[in-house]
PDB file of N, CA and C in Angstrom:
ATOM      1  N   MET A   1      50.116 178.717  17.262  1.00  0.00           N
ATOM      2  CA  MET A   1      51.206 179.496  17.793  1.00  0.00           C
ATOM      3  C   MET A   1      51.026 179.611  19.305  1.00  0.00           C
ATOM      4  N   LEU A   2      52.000 179.124  20.029  1.00  0.00           N
ATOM      5  CA  LEU A   2      51.900 179.075  21.486  1.00  0.00           C
ATOM      6  C   LEU A   2      52.540 180.281  22.167  1.00  0.00           C
ATOM      7  N   SER A   3      53.451 180.933  21.480  1.00  0.00           N
ATOM      8  CA  SER A   3      54.075 182.138  22.031  1.00  0.00           C
ATOM      9  C   SER A   3      53.622 183.326  21.194  1.00  0.00           C
ATOM     10  N   LYS A   4      53.578 184.494  21.823  1.00  0.00           N
ATOM     11  CA  LYS A   4      53.132 185.674  21.077  1.00  0.00           C
ATOM     12  C   LYS A   4      53.725 186.932  21.698  1.00  0.00           C
ATOM     13  N   TRP A   5      53.738 187.997  20.904  1.00  0.00           N
ATOM     14  CA  TRP A   5      54.160 189.297  21.402  1.00  0.00           C
ATOM     15  C   TRP A   5      52.958 189.975  22.041  1.00  0.00           C
ATOM     16  N   LYS A   6      53.205 190.598  23.194  1.00  0.00           N
ATOM     17  CA  LYS A   6      52.139 191.270  23.940  1.00  0.00           C
ATOM     18  C   LYS A   6      52.653 192.656  24.327  1.00  0.00           C
ATOM     19  N   LYS A   7      51.852 193.685  24.077  1.00  0.00           N
ATOM     20  CA  LYS A   7      52.268 195.039  24.443  1.00  0.00           C
ATOM     21  C   LYS A   7      51.769 195.360  25.845  1.00  0.00           C
ATOM     22  N   SER A   8      52.682 195.846  26.680  1.00  0.00           N
ATOM     23  CA  SER A   8      52.339 196.188  28.061  1.00  0.00           C
ATOM     24  C   SER A   8      53.194 197.372  28.501  1.00  0.00           C
ATOM     25  N   HIS A   9      52.572 198.375  29.036  1.00  0.00           N
ATOM     26  CA  HIS A   9      53.275 199.563  29.523  1.00  0.00           C
ATOM     27  C   HIS A   9      54.170 200.161  28.429  1.00  0.00           C
ATOM     28  N   GLY A  10      53.695 200.131  27.194  1.00  0.00           N
ATOM     29  CA  GLY A  10      54.429 200.745  26.100  1.00  0.00           C
ATOM     30  C   GLY A  10      55.603 199.943  25.562  1.00  0.00           C
ATOM     31  N   GLN A  11      55.737 198.700  25.975  1.00  0.00           N
ATOM     32  CA  GLN A  11      56.836 197.873  25.464  1.00  0.00           C
ATOM     33  C   GLN A  11      56.306 196.517  25.018  1.00  0.00           C
ATOM     34  N   TRP A  12      57.019 195.894  24.107  1.00  0.00           N
ATOM     35  CA  TRP A  12      56.657 194.559  23.637  1.00  0.00           C
ATOM     36  C   TRP A  12      57.343 193.525  24.513  1.00  0.00           C
ATOM     37  N   VAL A  13      56.555 192.537  24.926  1.00  0.00           N
ATOM     38  CA  VAL A  13      57.024 191.445  25.777  1.00  0.00           C
ATOM     39  C   VAL A  13      56.711 190.140  25.056  1.00  0.00           C
ATOM     40  N   LEU A  14      57.665 189.220  25.032  1.00  0.00           N
ATOM     41  CA  LEU A  14      57.384 187.899  24.478  1.00  0.00           C
ATOM     42  C   LEU A  14      56.653 187.107  25.556  1.00  0.00           C
ATOM     43  N   TYR A  15      55.425 186.684  25.247  1.00  0.00           N
ATOM     44  CA  TYR A  15      54.560 186.014  26.213  1.00  0.00           C
ATOM     45  C   TYR A  15      54.465 184.525  25.894  1.00  0.00           C
ATOM     46  N   LEU A  16      54.825 183.709  26.876  1.00  0.00           N
ATOM     47  CA  LEU A  16      54.748 182.257  26.752  1.00  0.00           C
ATOM     48  C   LEU A  16      53.695 181.750  27.725  1.00  0.00           C
ATOM     49  N   ASP A  17      52.547 181.368  27.210  1.00  0.00           N
ATOM     50  CA  ASP A  17      51.462 180.870  28.057  1.00  0.00           C
ATOM     51  C   ASP A  17      51.527 179.349  28.051  1.00  0.00           C
ATOM     52  N   CYS A  18      52.116 178.794  29.096  1.00  0.00           N
ATOM     53  CA  CYS A  18      52.340 177.344  29.181  1.00  0.00           C
ATOM     54  C   CYS A  18      51.221 176.613  29.912  1.00  0.00           C
ATOM     55  N   ARG A  19      50.240 177.344  30.425  1.00  0.00           N
ATOM     56  CA  ARG A  19      49.154 176.721  31.182  1.00  0.00           C
ATOM     57  C   ARG A  19      48.437 175.681  30.337  1.00  0.00           C
ATOM     58  N   GLU A  20      48.169 174.568  30.958  1.00  0.00           N
ATOM     59  CA  GLU A  20      47.399 173.472  30.345  1.00  0.00           C
ATOM     60  C   GLU A  20      48.065 172.857  29.114  1.00  0.00           C
ATOM     61  N   LEU A  21      49.359 173.038  28.962  1.00  0.00           N
ATOM     62  CA  LEU A  21      50.055 172.434  27.823  1.00  0.00           C
ATOM     63  C   LEU A  21      50.634 171.079  28.212  1.00  0.00           C
ATOM     64  N   GLY A  22      50.635 170.161  27.256  1.00  0.00           N
ATOM     65  CA  GLY A  22      51.264 168.862  27.449  1.00  0.00           C
ATOM     66  C   GLY A  22      52.748 168.948  27.139  1.00  0.00           C
ATOM     67  N   GLU A  23      53.436 167.841  27.330  1.00  0.00           N
ATOM     68  CA  GLU A  23      54.893 167.789  27.153  1.00  0.00           C
ATOM     69  C   GLU A  23      55.327 168.247  25.758  1.00  0.00           C
ATOM     70  N   GLU A  24      54.678 167.754  24.718  1.00  0.00           N
ATOM     71  CA  GLU A  24      55.044 168.123  23.343  1.00  0.00           C
ATOM     72  C   GLU A  24      54.890 169.619  23.113  1.00  0.00           C
ATOM     73  N   GLU A  25      53.779 170.172  23.591  1.00  0.00           N
ATOM     74  CA  GLU A  25      53.521 171.607  23.404  1.00  0.00           C
ATOM     75  C   GLU A  25      54.498 172.459  24.203  1.00  0.00           C
ATOM     76  N   LEU A  26      54.901 171.998  25.377  1.00  0.00           N
ATOM     77  CA  LEU A  26      55.882 172.736  26.179  1.00  0.00           C
ATOM     78  C   LEU A  26      57.224 172.813  25.450  1.00  0.00           C
ATOM     79  N   LEU A  27      57.627 171.711  24.835  1.00  0.00           N
ATOM     80  CA  LEU A  27      58.871 171.718  24.062  1.00  0.00           C
ATOM     81  C   LEU A  27      58.732 172.609  22.835  1.00  0.00           C
ATOM     82  N   GLN A  28      57.548 172.576  22.219  1.00  0.00           N
ATOM     83  CA  GLN A  28      57.283 173.393  21.038  1.00  0.00           C
ATOM     84  C   GLN A  28      57.327 174.886  21.366  1.00  0.00           C
ATOM     85  N   ILE A  29      56.808 175.271  22.536  1.00  0.00           N
ATOM     86  CA  ILE A  29      56.784 176.694  22.885  1.00  0.00           C
ATOM     87  C   ILE A  29      58.208 177.227  23.063  1.00  0.00           C
ATOM     88  N   LEU A  30      59.110 176.390  23.548  1.00  0.00           N
ATOM     89  CA  LEU A  30      60.508 176.812  23.666  1.00  0.00           C
ATOM     90  C   LEU A  30      61.126 177.033  22.291  1.00  0.00           C
ATOM     91  N   ASP A  31      60.851 176.121  21.362  1.00  0.00           N
ATOM     92  CA  ASP A  31      61.358 176.274  19.999  1.00  0.00           C
ATOM     93  C   ASP A  31      60.793 177.529  19.335  1.00  0.00           C
ATOM     94  N   GLU A  32      59.490 177.765  19.519  1.00  0.00           N
ATOM     95  CA  GLU A  32      58.858 178.961  18.959  1.00  0.00           C
ATOM     96  C   GLU A  32      59.495 180.228  19.511  1.00  0.00           C
ATOM     97  N   ALA A  33      59.687 180.253  20.822  1.00  0.00           N
ATOM     98  CA  ALA A  33      60.283 181.430  21.458  1.00  0.00           C
ATOM     99  C   ALA A  33      61.687 181.678  20.896  1.00  0.00           C
ATOM    100  N   ALA A  34      62.468 180.627  20.761  1.00  0.00           N
ATOM    101  CA  ALA A  34      63.826 180.768  20.226  1.00  0.00           C
ATOM    102  C   ALA A  34      63.792 181.328  18.808  1.00  0.00           C
ATOM    103  N   GLU A  35      62.856 180.851  17.985  1.00  0.00           N
ATOM    104  CA  GLU A  35      62.743 181.337  16.602  1.00  0.00           C
ATOM    105  C   GLU A  35      62.347 182.817  16.557  1.00  0.00           C
ATOM    106  N   LYS A  36      61.492 183.243  17.477  1.00  0.00           N
ATOM    107  CA  LYS A  36      61.087 184.646  17.520  1.00  0.00           C
ATOM    108  C   LYS A  36      62.221 185.532  18.022  1.00  0.00           C
ATOM    109  N   LEU A  37      63.052 185.001  18.882  1.00  0.00           N
ATOM    110  CA  LEU A  37      64.122 185.796  19.479  1.00  0.00           C
ATOM    111  C   LEU A  37      65.374 185.882  18.607  1.00  0.00           C
ATOM    112  N   ARG A  38      65.654 184.862  17.828  1.00  0.00           N
ATOM    113  CA  ARG A  38      66.903 184.835  17.039  1.00  0.00           C
ATOM    114  C   ARG A  38      67.139 186.103  16.214  1.00  0.00           C
ATOM    115  N   PRO A  39      66.143 186.626  15.509  1.00  0.00           N
ATOM    116  CA  PRO A  39      66.415 187.810  14.681  1.00  0.00           C
ATOM    117  C   PRO A  39      66.480 189.132  15.453  1.00  0.00           C
ATOM    118  N   MET A  40      66.180 189.122  16.726  1.00  0.00           N
ATOM    119  CA  MET A  40      66.157 190.361  17.505  1.00  0.00           C
ATOM    120  C   MET A  40      67.569 190.939  17.615  1.00  0.00           C
ATOM    121  N   THR A  41      67.662 192.267  17.467  1.00  0.00           N
ATOM    122  CA  THR A  41      68.962 192.927  17.564  1.00  0.00           C
ATOM    123  C   THR A  41      69.210 193.485  18.968  1.00  0.00           C
ATOM    124  N   ALA A  42      68.152 193.584  19.755  1.00  0.00           N
ATOM    125  CA  ALA A  42      68.273 194.043  21.143  1.00  0.00           C
ATOM    126  C   ALA A  42      67.620 193.008  22.057  1.00  0.00           C
ATOM    127  N   LYS A  43      68.042 192.996  23.306  1.00  0.00           N
ATOM    128  CA  LYS A  43      67.439 192.069  24.272  1.00  0.00           C
ATOM    129  C   LYS A  43      66.004 192.492  24.570  1.00  0.00           C
ATOM    130  N   VAL A  44      65.147 191.504  24.816  1.00  0.00           N
ATOM    131  CA  VAL A  44      63.732 191.771  25.062  1.00  0.00           C
ATOM    132  C   VAL A  44      63.288 191.116  26.367  1.00  0.00           C
ATOM    133  N   PRO A  45      62.224 191.645  26.982  1.00  0.00           N
ATOM    134  CA  PRO A  45      61.665 191.023  28.179  1.00  0.00           C
ATOM    135  C   PRO A  45      60.741 189.862  27.805  1.00  0.00           C
ATOM    136  N   VAL A  46      60.648 188.896  28.722  1.00  0.00           N
ATOM    137  CA  VAL A  46      59.812 187.711  28.512  1.00  0.00           C
ATOM    138  C   VAL A  46      58.928 187.495  29.739  1.00  0.00           C
ATOM    139  N   LEU A  47      57.671 187.125  29.485  1.00  0.00           N
ATOM    140  CA  LEU A  47      56.745 186.711  30.539  1.00  0.00           C
ATOM    141  C   LEU A  47      56.332 185.276  30.250  1.00  0.00           C
ATOM    142  N   ALA A  48      56.566 184.378  31.203  1.00  0.00           N
ATOM    143  CA  ALA A  48      56.161 182.974  31.064  1.00  0.00           C
ATOM    144  C   ALA A  48      55.186 182.628  32.176  1.00  0.00           C
ATOM    145  N   ASN A  49      54.039 182.078  31.798  1.00  0.00           N
ATOM    146  CA  ASN A  49      53.062 181.627  32.785  1.00  0.00           C
ATOM    147  C   ASN A  49      53.100 180.102  32.816  1.00  0.00           C
ATOM    148  N   VAL A  50      53.574 179.557  33.933  1.00  0.00           N
ATOM    149  CA  VAL A  50      53.705 178.106  34.091  1.00  0.00           C
ATOM    150  C   VAL A  50      52.813 177.585  35.219  1.00  0.00           C
ATOM    151  N   GLU A  51      51.710 178.289  35.467  1.00  0.00           N
ATOM    152  CA  GLU A  51      50.783 177.866  36.513  1.00  0.00           C
ATOM    153  C   GLU A  51      50.282 176.451  36.229  1.00  0.00           C
ATOM    154  N   ASP A  52      50.322 175.606  37.241  1.00  0.00           N
ATOM    155  CA  ASP A  52      49.825 174.229  37.173  1.00  0.00           C
ATOM    156  C   ASP A  52      50.514 173.390  36.100  1.00  0.00           C
ATOM    157  N   VAL A  53      51.766 173.686  35.821  1.00  0.00           N
ATOM    158  CA  VAL A  53      52.522 172.944  34.814  1.00  0.00           C
ATOM    159  C   VAL A  53      53.622 172.151  35.510  1.00  0.00           C
ATOM    160  N   ILE A  54      53.751 170.895  35.118  1.00  0.00           N
ATOM    161  CA  ILE A  54      54.850 170.062  35.601  1.00  0.00           C
ATOM    162  C   ILE A  54      55.955 170.150  34.556  1.00  0.00           C
ATOM    163  N   LEU A  55      57.082 170.698  34.956  1.00  0.00           N
ATOM    164  CA  LEU A  55      58.197 170.850  34.027  1.00  0.00           C
ATOM    165  C   LEU A  55      59.102 169.621  34.122  1.00  0.00           C
ATOM    166  N   SER A  56      59.162 168.886  33.043  1.00  0.00           N
ATOM    167  CA  SER A  56      59.912 167.627  33.011  1.00  0.00           C
ATOM    168  C   SER A  56      61.406 167.867  32.869  1.00  0.00           C
ATOM    169  N   THR A  57      62.164 166.809  33.067  1.00  0.00           N
ATOM    170  CA  THR A  57      63.609 166.857  32.874  1.00  0.00           C
ATOM    171  C   THR A  57      63.932 167.215  31.426  1.00  0.00           C
ATOM    172  N   GLU A  58      63.175 166.657  30.482  1.00  0.00           N
ATOM    173  CA  GLU A  58      63.398 166.957  29.066  1.00  0.00           C
ATOM    174  C   GLU A  58      63.188 168.447  28.783  1.00  0.00           C
ATOM    175  N   PHE A  59      62.148 169.027  29.381  1.00  0.00           N
ATOM    176  CA  PHE A  59      61.884 170.461  29.218  1.00  0.00           C
ATOM    177  C   PHE A  59      63.055 171.271  29.769  1.00  0.00           C
ATOM    178  N   MET A  60      63.506 170.921  30.968  1.00  0.00           N
ATOM    179  CA  MET A  60      64.595 171.658  31.599  1.00  0.00           C
ATOM    180  C   MET A  60      65.885 171.551  30.788  1.00  0.00           C
ATOM    181  N   GLU A  61      66.140 170.383  30.217  1.00  0.00           N
ATOM    182  CA  GLU A  61      67.327 170.204  29.373  1.00  0.00           C
ATOM    183  C   GLU A  61      67.242 171.081  28.128  1.00  0.00           C
ATOM    184  N   LYS A  62      66.070 171.118  27.522  1.00  0.00           N
ATOM    185  CA  LYS A  62      65.883 171.947  26.324  1.00  0.00           C
ATOM    186  C   LYS A  62      66.008 173.421  26.690  1.00  0.00           C
ATOM    187  N   MET A  63      65.474 173.804  27.837  1.00  0.00           N
ATOM    188  CA  MET A  63      65.570 175.182  28.314  1.00  0.00           C
ATOM    189  C   MET A  63      67.039 175.567  28.494  1.00  0.00           C
ATOM    190  N   LYS A  64      67.796 174.676  29.078  1.00  0.00           N
ATOM    191  CA  LYS A  64      69.223 174.918  29.300  1.00  0.00           C
ATOM    192  C   LYS A  64      69.957 175.052  27.960  1.00  0.00           C
ATOM    193  N   GLU A  65      69.672 174.157  27.034  1.00  0.00           N
ATOM    194  CA  GLU A  65      70.309 174.173  25.715  1.00  0.00           C
ATOM    195  C   GLU A  65      69.996 175.471  24.957  1.00  0.00           C
ATOM    196  N   LEU A  66      68.697 175.817  24.890  1.00  0.00           N
ATOM    197  CA  LEU A  66      68.315 177.039  24.187  1.00  0.00           C
ATOM    198  C   LEU A  66      68.766 178.285  24.940  1.00  0.00           C
ATOM    199  N   GLY A  67      68.871 178.165  26.252  1.00  0.00           N
ATOM    200  CA  GLY A  67      69.392 179.279  27.045  1.00  0.00           C
ATOM    201  C   GLY A  67      70.798 179.629  26.616  1.00  0.00           C
ATOM    202  N   GLN A  68      71.622 178.617  26.445  1.00  0.00           N
ATOM    203  CA  GLN A  68      73.006 178.846  26.036  1.00  0.00           C
ATOM    204  C   GLN A  68      73.098 179.331  24.598  1.00  0.00           C
ATOM    205  N   LYS A  69      72.221 178.845  23.727  1.00  0.00           N
ATOM    206  CA  LYS A  69      72.281 179.187  22.306  1.00  0.00           C
ATOM    207  C   LYS A  69      71.555 180.478  21.951  1.00  0.00           C
ATOM    208  N   VAL A  70      70.453 180.780  22.656  1.00  0.00           N
ATOM    209  CA  VAL A  70      69.603 181.900  22.245  1.00  0.00           C
ATOM    210  C   VAL A  70      69.216 182.812  23.414  1.00  0.00           C
ATOM    211  N   PHE A  71      68.575 182.252  24.433  1.00  0.00           N
ATOM    212  CA  PHE A  71      67.942 183.060  25.471  1.00  0.00           C
ATOM    213  C   PHE A  71      68.922 183.973  26.215  1.00  0.00           C
ATOM    214  N   ASN A  72      70.100 183.477  26.569  1.00  0.00           N
ATOM    215  CA  ASN A  72      71.055 184.309  27.316  1.00  0.00           C
ATOM    216  C   ASN A  72      71.443 185.554  26.528  1.00  0.00           C
ATOM    217  N   GLU A  73      71.497 185.433  25.224  1.00  0.00           N
ATOM    218  CA  GLU A  73      71.908 186.542  24.367  1.00  0.00           C
ATOM    219  C   GLU A  73      70.761 187.484  24.014  1.00  0.00           C
ATOM    220  N   LYS A  74      69.539 186.967  23.952  1.00  0.00           N
ATOM    221  CA  LYS A  74      68.414 187.746  23.427  1.00  0.00           C
ATOM    222  C   LYS A  74      67.392 188.201  24.466  1.00  0.00           C
ATOM    223  N   VAL A  75      67.451 187.635  25.696  1.00  0.00           N
ATOM    224  CA  VAL A  75      66.457 187.967  26.720  1.00  0.00           C
ATOM    225  C   VAL A  75      67.101 188.812  27.812  1.00  0.00           C
ATOM    226  N   ASP A  76      66.451 189.937  28.106  1.00  0.00           N
ATOM    227  CA  ASP A  76      66.950 190.839  29.126  1.00  0.00           C
ATOM    228  C   ASP A  76      66.485 190.388  30.515  1.00  0.00           C
ATOM    229  N   TYR A  77      65.191 190.413  30.731  1.00  0.00           N
ATOM    230  CA  TYR A  77      64.593 189.993  32.003  1.00  0.00           C
ATOM    231  C   TYR A  77      63.458 189.026  31.712  1.00  0.00           C
ATOM    232  N   THR A  78      63.252 188.077  32.635  1.00  0.00           N
ATOM    233  CA  THR A  78      62.151 187.123  32.501  1.00  0.00           C
ATOM    234  C   THR A  78      61.330 187.127  33.783  1.00  0.00           C
ATOM    235  N   ALA A  79      60.024 187.328  33.634  1.00  0.00           N
ATOM    236  CA  ALA A  79      59.081 187.220  34.749  1.00  0.00           C
ATOM    237  C   ALA A  79      58.344 185.897  34.579  1.00  0.00           C
ATOM    238  N   ILE A  80      58.264 185.132  35.664  1.00  0.00           N
ATOM    239  CA  ILE A  80      57.620 183.819  35.600  1.00  0.00           C
ATOM    240  C   ILE A  80      56.478 183.779  36.604  1.00  0.00           C
ATOM    241  N   VAL A  81      55.294 183.433  36.115  1.00  0.00           N
ATOM    242  CA  VAL A  81      54.112 183.299  36.965  1.00  0.00           C
ATOM    243  C   VAL A  81      53.854 181.813  37.188  1.00  0.00           C
ATOM    244  N   GLY A  82      53.600 181.446  38.448  1.00  0.00           N
ATOM    245  CA  GLY A  82      53.251 180.064  38.747  1.00  0.00           C
ATOM    246  C   GLY A  82      54.366 179.251  39.378  1.00  0.00           C
ATOM    247  N   VAL A  83      55.414 179.912  39.817  1.00  0.00           N
ATOM    248  CA  VAL A  83      56.518 179.219  40.485  1.00  0.00           C
ATOM    249  C   VAL A  83      56.428 179.539  41.973  1.00  0.00           C
ATOM    250  N   SER A  84      56.377 178.503  42.796  1.00  0.00           N
ATOM    251  CA  SER A  84      56.287 178.729  44.240  1.00  0.00           C
ATOM    252  C   SER A  84      57.046 177.644  44.993  1.00  0.00           C
ATOM    253  N   GLY A  85      57.188 177.865  46.285  1.00  0.00           N
ATOM    254  CA  GLY A  85      57.823 176.873  47.150  1.00  0.00           C
ATOM    255  C   GLY A  85      59.248 176.539  46.750  1.00  0.00           C
ATOM    256  N   VAL A  86      59.522 175.252  46.677  1.00  0.00           N
ATOM    257  CA  VAL A  86      60.867 174.765  46.360  1.00  0.00           C
ATOM    258  C   VAL A  86      61.301 175.227  44.970  1.00  0.00           C
ATOM    259  N   LYS A  87      60.355 175.332  44.045  1.00  0.00           N
ATOM    260  CA  LYS A  87      60.687 175.770  42.686  1.00  0.00           C
ATOM    261  C   LYS A  87      61.242 177.200  42.684  1.00  0.00           C
ATOM    262  N   LYS A  88      60.753 178.037  43.607  1.00  0.00           N
ATOM    263  CA  LYS A  88      61.283 179.400  43.710  1.00  0.00           C
ATOM    264  C   LYS A  88      62.746 179.377  44.150  1.00  0.00           C
ATOM    265  N   VAL A  89      63.056 178.487  45.081  1.00  0.00           N
ATOM    266  CA  VAL A  89      64.433 178.356  45.549  1.00  0.00           C
ATOM    267  C   VAL A  89      65.327 177.865  44.413  1.00  0.00           C
ATOM    268  N   LEU A  90      64.831 176.891  43.650  1.00  0.00           N
ATOM    269  CA  LEU A  90      65.594 176.381  42.509  1.00  0.00           C
ATOM    270  C   LEU A  90      65.801 177.469  41.457  1.00  0.00           C
ATOM    271  N   LEU A  91      64.792 178.306  41.254  1.00  0.00           N
ATOM    272  CA  LEU A  91      64.915 179.406  40.303  1.00  0.00           C
ATOM    273  C   LEU A  91      66.002 180.378  40.746  1.00  0.00           C
ATOM    274  N   SER A  92      66.035 180.696  42.025  1.00  0.00           N
ATOM    275  CA  SER A  92      67.066 181.590  42.550  1.00  0.00           C
ATOM    276  C   SER A  92      68.456 181.005  42.353  1.00  0.00           C
ATOM    277  N   SER A  93      68.578 179.710  42.600  1.00  0.00           N
ATOM    278  CA  SER A  93      69.867 179.038  42.396  1.00  0.00           C
ATOM    279  C   SER A  93      70.271 179.069  40.933  1.00  0.00           C
ATOM    280  N   TYR A  94      69.314 178.803  40.051  1.00  0.00           N
ATOM    281  CA  TYR A  94      69.573 178.822  38.611  1.00  0.00           C
ATOM    282  C   TYR A  94      70.060 180.209  38.186  1.00  0.00           C
ATOM    283  N   ASN A  95      69.384 181.249  38.657  1.00  0.00           N
ATOM    284  CA  ASN A  95      69.787 182.624  38.335  1.00  0.00           C
ATOM    285  C   ASN A  95      71.221 182.890  38.765  1.00  0.00           C
ATOM    286  N   PHE A  96      71.548 182.465  39.955  1.00  0.00           N
ATOM    287  CA  PHE A  96      72.886 182.690  40.494  1.00  0.00           C
ATOM    288  C   PHE A  96      73.942 181.959  39.665  1.00  0.00           C
ATOM    289  N   LEU A  97      73.660 180.716  39.332  1.00  0.00           N
ATOM    290  CA  LEU A  97      74.644 179.896  38.613  1.00  0.00           C
ATOM    291  C   LEU A  97      74.875 180.350  37.172  1.00  0.00           C
ATOM    292  N   VAL A  98      73.817 180.774  36.492  1.00  0.00           N
ATOM    293  CA  VAL A  98      73.971 181.122  35.079  1.00  0.00           C
ATOM    294  C   VAL A  98      73.869 182.628  34.810  1.00  0.00           C
ATOM    295  N   GLY A  99      73.686 183.412  35.847  1.00  0.00           N
ATOM    296  CA  GLY A  99      73.656 184.860  35.679  1.00  0.00           C
ATOM    297  C   GLY A  99      72.443 185.393  34.942  1.00  0.00           C
ATOM    298  N   ARG A 100      71.307 184.760  35.117  1.00  0.00           N
ATOM    299  CA  ARG A 100      70.071 185.201  34.457  1.00  0.00           C
ATOM    300  C   ARG A 100      69.293 186.154  35.354  1.00  0.00           C
ATOM    301  N   ASN A 101      68.369 186.891  34.743  1.00  0.00           N
ATOM    302  CA  ASN A 101      67.502 187.828  35.450  1.00  0.00           C
ATOM    303  C   ASN A 101      66.063 187.328  35.393  1.00  0.00           C
ATOM    304  N   MET A 102      65.780 186.252  36.142  1.00  0.00           N
ATOM    305  CA  MET A 102      64.437 185.679  36.175  1.00  0.00           C
ATOM    306  C   MET A 102      63.856 185.887  37.570  1.00  0.00           C
ATOM    307  N   LYS A 103      62.580 186.262  37.608  1.00  0.00           N
ATOM    308  CA  LYS A 103      61.927 186.499  38.898  1.00  0.00           C
ATOM    309  C   LYS A 103      60.532 185.904  38.875  1.00  0.00           C
ATOM    310  N   ALA A 104      60.141 185.296  39.991  1.00  0.00           N
ATOM    311  CA  ALA A 104      58.832 184.650  40.110  1.00  0.00           C
ATOM    312  C   ALA A 104      57.789 185.626  40.650  1.00  0.00           C
ATOM    313  N   PHE A 105      56.563 185.473  40.133  1.00  0.00           N
ATOM    314  CA  PHE A 105      55.436 186.310  40.551  1.00  0.00           C
ATOM    315  C   PHE A 105      54.194 185.456  40.732  1.00  0.00           C
ATOM    316  N   ASP A 106      53.232 185.998  41.507  1.00  0.00           N
ATOM    317  CA  ASP A 106      51.974 185.291  41.750  1.00  0.00           C
ATOM    318  C   ASP A 106      50.955 185.528  40.645  1.00  0.00           C
ATOM    319  N   ASN A 107      51.098 186.645  39.897  1.00  0.00           N
ATOM    320  CA  ASN A 107      50.136 186.936  38.835  1.00  0.00           C
ATOM    321  C   ASN A 107      50.803 187.712  37.702  1.00  0.00           C
ATOM    322  N   GLU A 108      50.139 187.716  36.560  1.00  0.00           N
ATOM    323  CA  GLU A 108      50.703 188.348  35.364  1.00  0.00           C
ATOM    324  C   GLU A 108      50.792 189.873  35.495  1.00  0.00           C
ATOM    325  N   GLU A 109      49.834 190.488  36.165  1.00  0.00           N
ATOM    326  CA  GLU A 109      49.860 191.945  36.309  1.00  0.00           C
ATOM    327  C   GLU A 109      51.119 192.412  37.041  1.00  0.00           C
ATOM    328  N   ASP A 110      51.436 191.765  38.171  1.00  0.00           N
ATOM    329  CA  ASP A 110      52.652 192.127  38.916  1.00  0.00           C
ATOM    330  C   ASP A 110      53.899 191.843  38.082  1.00  0.00           C
ATOM    331  N   ALA A 111      53.877 190.753  37.337  1.00  0.00           N
ATOM    332  CA  ALA A 111      55.018 190.385  36.503  1.00  0.00           C
ATOM    333  C   ALA A 111      55.250 191.441  35.412  1.00  0.00           C
ATOM    334  N   LEU A 112      54.179 191.867  34.750  1.00  0.00           N
ATOM    335  CA  LEU A 112      54.309 192.876  33.701  1.00  0.00           C
ATOM    336  C   LEU A 112      54.738 194.227  34.272  1.00  0.00           C
ATOM    337  N   ASP A 113      54.244 194.566  35.454  1.00  0.00           N
ATOM    338  CA  ASP A 113      54.679 195.806  36.115  1.00  0.00           C
ATOM    339  C   ASP A 113      56.176 195.767  36.380  1.00  0.00           C
ATOM    340  N   TRP A 114      56.683 194.643  36.897  1.00  0.00           N
ATOM    341  CA  TRP A 114      58.114 194.511  37.182  1.00  0.00           C
ATOM    342  C   TRP A 114      58.934 194.622  35.903  1.00  0.00           C
ATOM    343  N   LEU A 115      58.484 193.956  34.844  1.00  0.00           N
ATOM    344  CA  LEU A 115      59.213 194.035  33.574  1.00  0.00           C
ATOM    345  C   LEU A 115      59.288 195.480  33.084  1.00  0.00           C
ATOM    346  N   ALA A 116      58.221 196.225  33.272  1.00  0.00           N
ATOM    347  CA  ALA A 116      58.234 197.632  32.856  1.00  0.00           C
ATOM    348  C   ALA A 116      59.214 198.444  33.699  1.00  0.00           C
ATOM    349  N   VAL A 117      59.201 198.245  35.001  1.00  0.00           N
ATOM    350  CA  VAL A 117      60.073 198.999  35.904  1.00  0.00           C
ATOM    351  C   VAL A 117      61.540 198.706  35.612  1.00  0.00           C
ATOM    352  N   VAL A 118      61.897 197.444  35.441  1.00  0.00           N
ATOM    353  CA  VAL A 118      63.317 197.124  35.186  1.00  0.00           C
ATOM    354  C   VAL A 118      63.765 197.616  33.810  1.00  0.00           C
ATOM    355  N   GLN A 119      62.805 197.883  32.928  1.00  0.00           N
ATOM    356  CA  GLN A 119      63.129 198.445  31.611  1.00  0.00           C
ATOM    357  C   GLN A 119      63.087 199.980  31.637  1.00  0.00           C
ATOM    358  N   GLY A 120      62.873 200.556  32.838  1.00  0.00           N
ATOM    359  CA  GLY A 120      62.891 202.011  32.979  1.00  0.00           C
ATOM    360  C   GLY A 120      61.583 202.706  32.660  1.00  0.00           C
ATOM    361  N   LYS A 121      60.482 201.949  32.626  1.00  0.00           N
ATOM    362  CA  LYS A 121      59.174 202.542  32.348  1.00  0.00           C
ATOM    363  C   LYS A 121      58.532 203.023  33.645  1.00  0.00           C
ATOM    364  N   THR A 122      57.681 204.031  33.548  1.00  0.00           N
ATOM    365  CA  THR A 122      56.928 204.529  34.689  1.00  0.00           C
ATOM    366  C   THR A 122      55.570 203.855  34.709  1.00  0.00           C
ATOM    367  N   ILE A 123      55.190 203.331  35.864  1.00  0.00           N
ATOM    368  CA  ILE A 123      53.901 202.661  36.012  1.00  0.00           C
ATOM    369  C   ILE A 123      52.896 203.661  36.563  1.00  0.00           C
ATOM    370  N   THR A 124      51.763 203.780  35.874  1.00  0.00           N
ATOM    371  CA  THR A 124      50.682 204.627  36.361  1.00  0.00           C
ATOM    372  C   THR A 124      49.444 203.782  36.531  1.00  0.00           C
ATOM    373  N   SER A 125      48.674 204.095  37.542  1.00  0.00           N
ATOM    374  CA  SER A 125      47.457 203.325  37.823  1.00  0.00           C
ATOM    375  C   SER A 125      46.348 203.682  36.889  1.00  0.00           C
TER     376      SER A 125
END
């Protein structure tokens, strides 16, 4: 199982750890995430770690397809770790074009803090 539920700041977050995954596993993690999200009755936050991952055209196509079928309806906010430089600009463009709430972060702690804040949780040190 490549995706899992993770509790952070009192809320459940769907966690996709894509680090060190090959092409087949990256496609599989998208399918797993979609299967976990389909039965949800409310939108949920997602944390994806894509540090040191090359996202192929096939991955992006599958992401787009599942986004239209599942993710847009079931995901509230998405925090992404490991996106920098030009990829950050592309992410901003993608958000604008499809109306998604995805934000890039340098580490998982900051990403989880942001997901909690946008969900109305109070962060304490």
